[in-house]
Amino acid sequence: GSPLEGKTITPNKAVEWVGLRRRFCQAPRPHRVWDDEHGKHVTHVVDEEGKRYVCGAPLFEVSDLRRLPAATIARRMKKFFGLLGVDEVHKCKAKGTGVGWALTMLNNACRFTVGLTGTLFGGYSAS
């Protein structure tokens, strides 16, 4: 366990307590370097000291920059799908939002797009 486990955390000990719980990704990550002798990139899995390269990304980070929408896959599929049907398309009108960006990516991956929005009358099923 942790040396601070079961103890009261004071402001002086808070930095140490948080530091003990921060974890970093230990997944193996190859490192590409240029090899002048062969004139091409070479992939290394260990450094000069014999330690393996790891990802090292913080697992405690909360950032929108690390989140990827599922629509990123559709970016590479130009006109792959035939028809895209989108309901509540009025929620996608802002260009800078993730929903608007995802609709753009999906729209580019489809040949035809049908957008549905709102209701024609009063907004209730009885009207």
C-alpha atoms as a PDB file:
ATOM      1  CA  GLY A   1       0.000   0.000   0.000  1.00  0.00           C
ATOM      2  CA  SER A   2       0.775   3.659   0.053  1.00  0.00           C
ATOM      3  CA  PRO A   3       2.861   5.204   2.872  1.00  0.00           C
ATOM      4  CA  LEU A   4       0.034   7.715   3.422  1.00  0.00           C
ATOM      5  CA  GLU A   5      -2.775   5.145   3.403  1.00  0.00           C
ATOM      6  CA  GLY A   6      -5.075   5.344   6.408  1.00  0.00           C
ATOM      7  CA  LYS A   7      -3.670   8.717   7.526  1.00  0.00           C
ATOM      8  CA  THR A   8      -5.302  12.135   7.496  1.00  0.00           C
ATOM      9  CA  ILE A   9      -4.240  14.166   4.466  1.00  0.00           C
ATOM     10  CA  THR A  10      -3.172  17.682   5.427  1.00  0.00           C
ATOM     11  CA  PRO A  11      -2.471  20.477   2.924  1.00  0.00           C
ATOM     12  CA  ASN A  12       1.255  19.923   3.443  1.00  0.00           C
ATOM     13  CA  LYS A  13       0.923  16.234   2.505  1.00  0.00           C
ATOM     14  CA  ALA A  14      -1.547  16.780  -0.361  1.00  0.00           C
ATOM     15  CA  VAL A  15       1.136  17.140  -3.054  1.00  0.00           C
ATOM     16  CA  GLU A  16       2.798  13.895  -1.966  1.00  0.00           C
ATOM     17  CA  TRP A  17      -0.567  12.115  -1.769  1.00  0.00           C
ATOM     18  CA  VAL A  18      -1.563  13.195  -5.280  1.00  0.00           C
ATOM     19  CA  GLY A  19       1.890  12.343  -6.623  1.00  0.00           C
ATOM     20  CA  LEU A  20       1.624   8.780  -5.323  1.00  0.00           C
ATOM     21  CA  ARG A  21      -1.603   8.243  -7.247  1.00  0.00           C
ATOM     22  CA  ARG A  22      -0.567   9.710 -10.577  1.00  0.00           C
ATOM     23  CA  ARG A  23       0.047   6.995 -13.084  1.00  0.00           C
ATOM     24  CA  PHE A  24       1.528   7.065 -16.537  1.00  0.00           C
ATOM     25  CA  CYS A  25       0.887   4.717 -19.437  1.00  0.00           C
ATOM     26  CA  GLN A  26       3.426   1.890 -19.484  1.00  0.00           C
ATOM     27  CA  ALA A  27       2.404   0.440 -22.847  1.00  0.00           C
ATOM     28  CA  PRO A  28       5.351  -0.306 -25.125  1.00  0.00           C
ATOM     29  CA  ARG A  29       5.804   2.342 -27.797  1.00  0.00           C
ATOM     30  CA  PRO A  30       8.383   1.938 -30.553  1.00  0.00           C
ATOM     31  CA  HIS A  31      10.601   4.917 -31.276  1.00  0.00           C
ATOM     32  CA  ARG A  32      11.436   5.833 -34.909  1.00  0.00           C
ATOM     33  CA  VAL A  33      14.837   7.340 -35.654  1.00  0.00           C
ATOM     34  CA  TRP A  34      16.610   8.186 -38.888  1.00  0.00           C
ATOM     35  CA  ASP A  35      19.426   5.798 -39.815  1.00  0.00           C
ATOM     36  CA  ASP A  36      22.013   7.631 -41.941  1.00  0.00           C
ATOM     37  CA  GLU A  37      23.788   4.408 -42.834  1.00  0.00           C
ATOM     38  CA  HIS A  38      20.744   2.851 -44.509  1.00  0.00           C
ATOM     39  CA  GLY A  39      19.030   6.109 -45.497  1.00  0.00           C
ATOM     40  CA  LYS A  40      15.664   5.300 -43.905  1.00  0.00           C
ATOM     41  CA  HIS A  41      13.757   5.334 -40.622  1.00  0.00           C
ATOM     42  CA  VAL A  42      14.452   2.496 -38.199  1.00  0.00           C
ATOM     43  CA  THR A  43      12.179   1.440 -35.337  1.00  0.00           C
ATOM     44  CA  HIS A  44      13.749   0.919 -31.916  1.00  0.00           C
ATOM     45  CA  VAL A  45      12.008  -0.661 -28.939  1.00  0.00           C
ATOM     46  CA  VAL A  46      14.809  -0.012 -26.424  1.00  0.00           C
ATOM     47  CA  ASP A  47      17.104   2.971 -25.885  1.00  0.00           C
ATOM     48  CA  GLU A  48      20.930   3.008 -25.642  1.00  0.00           C
ATOM     49  CA  GLU A  49      20.781   1.893 -21.980  1.00  0.00           C
ATOM     50  CA  GLY A  50      18.557  -1.092 -22.808  1.00  0.00           C
ATOM     51  CA  LYS A  51      15.374   0.369 -21.279  1.00  0.00           C
ATOM     52  CA  ARG A  52      12.251  -0.140 -23.367  1.00  0.00           C
ATOM     53  CA  TYR A  53      10.413   2.874 -24.732  1.00  0.00           C
ATOM     54  CA  VAL A  54       6.994   3.399 -23.138  1.00  0.00           C
ATOM     55  CA  CYS A  55       4.077   5.654 -24.020  1.00  0.00           C
ATOM     56  CA  GLY A  56       4.328   7.775 -20.859  1.00  0.00           C
ATOM     57  CA  ALA A  57       0.993   9.583 -21.378  1.00  0.00           C
ATOM     58  CA  PRO A  58      -0.594  10.681 -18.099  1.00  0.00           C
ATOM     59  CA  LEU A  59      -3.553   8.535 -17.105  1.00  0.00           C
ATOM     60  CA  PHE A  60      -4.808  11.178 -14.678  1.00  0.00           C
ATOM     61  CA  GLU A  61      -5.289  13.942 -17.224  1.00  0.00           C
ATOM     62  CA  VAL A  62      -8.754  15.312 -17.906  1.00  0.00           C
ATOM     63  CA  SER A  63      -8.624  17.086 -21.236  1.00  0.00           C
ATOM     64  CA  ASP A  64     -10.917  17.470 -24.234  1.00  0.00           C
ATOM     65  CA  LEU A  65      -7.880  17.203 -26.475  1.00  0.00           C
ATOM     66  CA  ARG A  66      -7.474  13.508 -25.655  1.00  0.00           C
ATOM     67  CA  ARG A  67     -11.041  12.565 -26.573  1.00  0.00           C
ATOM     68  CA  LEU A  68     -11.704  11.378 -30.100  1.00  0.00           C
ATOM     69  CA  PRO A  69     -15.183  11.163 -31.589  1.00  0.00           C
ATOM     70  CA  ALA A  70     -16.189   7.988 -33.377  1.00  0.00           C
ATOM     71  CA  ALA A  71     -16.606  10.017 -36.569  1.00  0.00           C
ATOM     72  CA  THR A  72     -12.813  10.158 -37.002  1.00  0.00           C
ATOM     73  CA  ILE A  73     -13.054   6.768 -38.699  1.00  0.00           C
ATOM     74  CA  ALA A  74     -15.456   8.202 -41.277  1.00  0.00           C
ATOM     75  CA  ARG A  75     -12.899  10.873 -42.218  1.00  0.00           C
ATOM     76  CA  ARG A  76     -11.031   8.374 -44.403  1.00  0.00           C
ATOM     77  CA  MET A  77     -14.177   6.893 -46.008  1.00  0.00           C
ATOM     78  CA  LYS A  78     -15.204   9.429 -48.648  1.00  0.00           C
ATOM     79  CA  LYS A  79     -18.613   8.452 -50.091  1.00  0.00           C
ATOM     80  CA  PHE A  80     -18.347   4.943 -48.600  1.00  0.00           C
ATOM     81  CA  PHE A  81     -21.928   4.827 -47.287  1.00  0.00           C
ATOM     82  CA  GLY A  82     -25.012   5.407 -49.412  1.00  0.00           C
ATOM     83  CA  LEU A  83     -27.418   7.281 -47.138  1.00  0.00           C
ATOM     84  CA  LEU A  84     -27.089   9.090 -43.824  1.00  0.00           C
ATOM     85  CA  GLY A  85     -30.252   9.831 -41.853  1.00  0.00           C
ATOM     86  CA  VAL A  86     -29.832  12.413 -39.084  1.00  0.00           C
ATOM     87  CA  ASP A  87     -32.560  13.314 -36.606  1.00  0.00           C
ATOM     88  CA  GLU A  88     -32.447  16.500 -34.507  1.00  0.00           C
ATOM     89  CA  VAL A  89     -30.055  18.065 -37.015  1.00  0.00           C
ATOM     90  CA  HIS A  90     -30.681  21.520 -35.496  1.00  0.00           C
ATOM     91  CA  LYS A  91     -28.398  20.453 -32.617  1.00  0.00           C
ATOM     92  CA  CYS A  92     -25.522  20.177 -35.097  1.00  0.00           C
ATOM     93  CA  LYS A  93     -25.644  23.755 -36.393  1.00  0.00           C
ATOM     94  CA  ALA A  94     -22.631  25.089 -34.473  1.00  0.00           C
ATOM     95  CA  LYS A  95     -19.452  24.574 -36.480  1.00  0.00           C
ATOM     96  CA  GLY A  96     -17.140  24.541 -33.472  1.00  0.00           C
ATOM     97  CA  THR A  97     -18.932  21.830 -31.489  1.00  0.00           C
ATOM     98  CA  GLY A  98     -18.086  18.155 -31.452  1.00  0.00           C
ATOM     99  CA  VAL A  99     -21.570  17.245 -32.669  1.00  0.00           C
ATOM    100  CA  GLY A 100     -21.312  19.615 -35.635  1.00  0.00           C
ATOM    101  CA  TRP A 101     -17.865  18.325 -36.495  1.00  0.00           C
ATOM    102  CA  ALA A 102     -19.051  14.705 -36.277  1.00  0.00           C
ATOM    103  CA  LEU A 103     -21.972  15.455 -38.611  1.00  0.00           C
ATOM    104  CA  THR A 104     -19.573  17.013 -41.115  1.00  0.00           C
ATOM    105  CA  MET A 105     -17.351  13.918 -41.049  1.00  0.00           C
ATOM    106  CA  LEU A 106     -20.317  11.567 -41.425  1.00  0.00           C
ATOM    107  CA  ASN A 107     -21.831  13.712 -44.186  1.00  0.00           C
ATOM    108  CA  ASN A 108     -18.570  13.525 -46.156  1.00  0.00           C
ATOM    109  CA  ALA A 109     -18.582   9.728 -45.828  1.00  0.00           C
ATOM    110  CA  CYS A 110     -22.066   9.406 -47.338  1.00  0.00           C
ATOM    111  CA  ARG A 111     -23.415   9.942 -50.814  1.00  0.00           C
ATOM    112  CA  PHE A 112     -26.780  11.326 -49.677  1.00  0.00           C
ATOM    113  CA  THR A 113     -27.865  12.932 -46.403  1.00  0.00           C
ATOM    114  CA  VAL A 114     -31.386  13.345 -45.038  1.00  0.00           C
ATOM    115  CA  GLY A 115     -31.666  15.791 -42.149  1.00  0.00           C
ATOM    116  CA  LEU A 116     -34.713  15.775 -39.861  1.00  0.00           C
ATOM    117  CA  THR A 117     -35.421  18.486 -37.335  1.00  0.00           C
ATOM    118  CA  GLY A 118     -38.131  19.772 -35.016  1.00  0.00           C
ATOM    119  CA  THR A 119     -41.822  19.250 -35.634  1.00  0.00           C
ATOM    120  CA  LEU A 120     -44.093  20.758 -38.233  1.00  0.00           C
ATOM    121  CA  PHE A 121     -46.850  21.981 -35.902  1.00  0.00           C
ATOM    122  CA  GLY A 122     -46.989  22.737 -32.171  1.00  0.00           C
ATOM    123  CA  GLY A 123     -44.291  20.384 -30.972  1.00  0.00           C
ATOM    124  CA  TYR A 124     -46.635  17.886 -29.305  1.00  0.00           C
ATOM    125  CA  SER A 125     -47.724  14.537 -30.703  1.00  0.00           C
ATOM    126  CA  ALA A 126     -51.416  15.497 -30.238  1.00  0.00           C
ATOM    127  CA  SER A 127     -51.193  18.654 -32.384  1.00  0.00           C
END
